[in-house]
Amino acid sequence: MRFMKVTIAQDELDKKSEGIQNLLSMLYGFVIAFSVTIVSGFWYAWVPRDVNWNASQIVLVMHIAGGVMSLVLFLAFFFLHQKFKNQIWWHILTPWKLRYQPDETRQHFHQRRLGHLVTWVMLTLYTTGVLIALPGMLFLFDHVWMQGYGASQLLGRVHYWVSLLILPILFSHMLWLTRKKG
């Protein structure tokens, strides 16, 4: 008996189309890159750095590289997903206009709301990550800029708590529970 059903494609013909294959490829790549990023980020946050300084630095590099890869794959997946669902991408900028359409099911409406939430939380996560890494990246190009101790502490805390928040939201969005009718 099957309890979970991914709601990307409804029938076998849709699952074999080139668009859905591209979408699933981006999704699988994003899941792998995001998994590396989230595991290395929690490792870096929870394991004391003085246990093994070299391993800590390798984990940090993995976190940054995985974050960059997952950001690129997330953006590609987002635009392919919007195209596949025949939605306009800039509607994500106006979540207060998200309304129930009379021709859609209630589950699809909840899935769209959850998708908006996933997108906004992911954008917050990536924005804080880029802002945390920006001084180090600028230093590589011989430019010194620091955003201040308070700002860097705030960015680190927001990045950490948003990364904890995204896990259940992303999991529930990707594995939407449905009941078979009939």
Foldseek 3Di string as FASTA:
>chain_A
DDWWDFPLDDDPVVCPDPLNVVLVVLVVQLVVLVVLQLVLVVCLVPPDCVVDVVVSVVSVVSNVVSLVSNVVSVVVNLVSSCVSVVHDSCVLVVLVPLDDDPVDDPLVSVLVNLVSVLVVLVVLLSVLVCVLCVQVVVVVVVDHDDPDDVVNVVSVVSNVVSSVVNVVSVVCSRTPTDDDDD
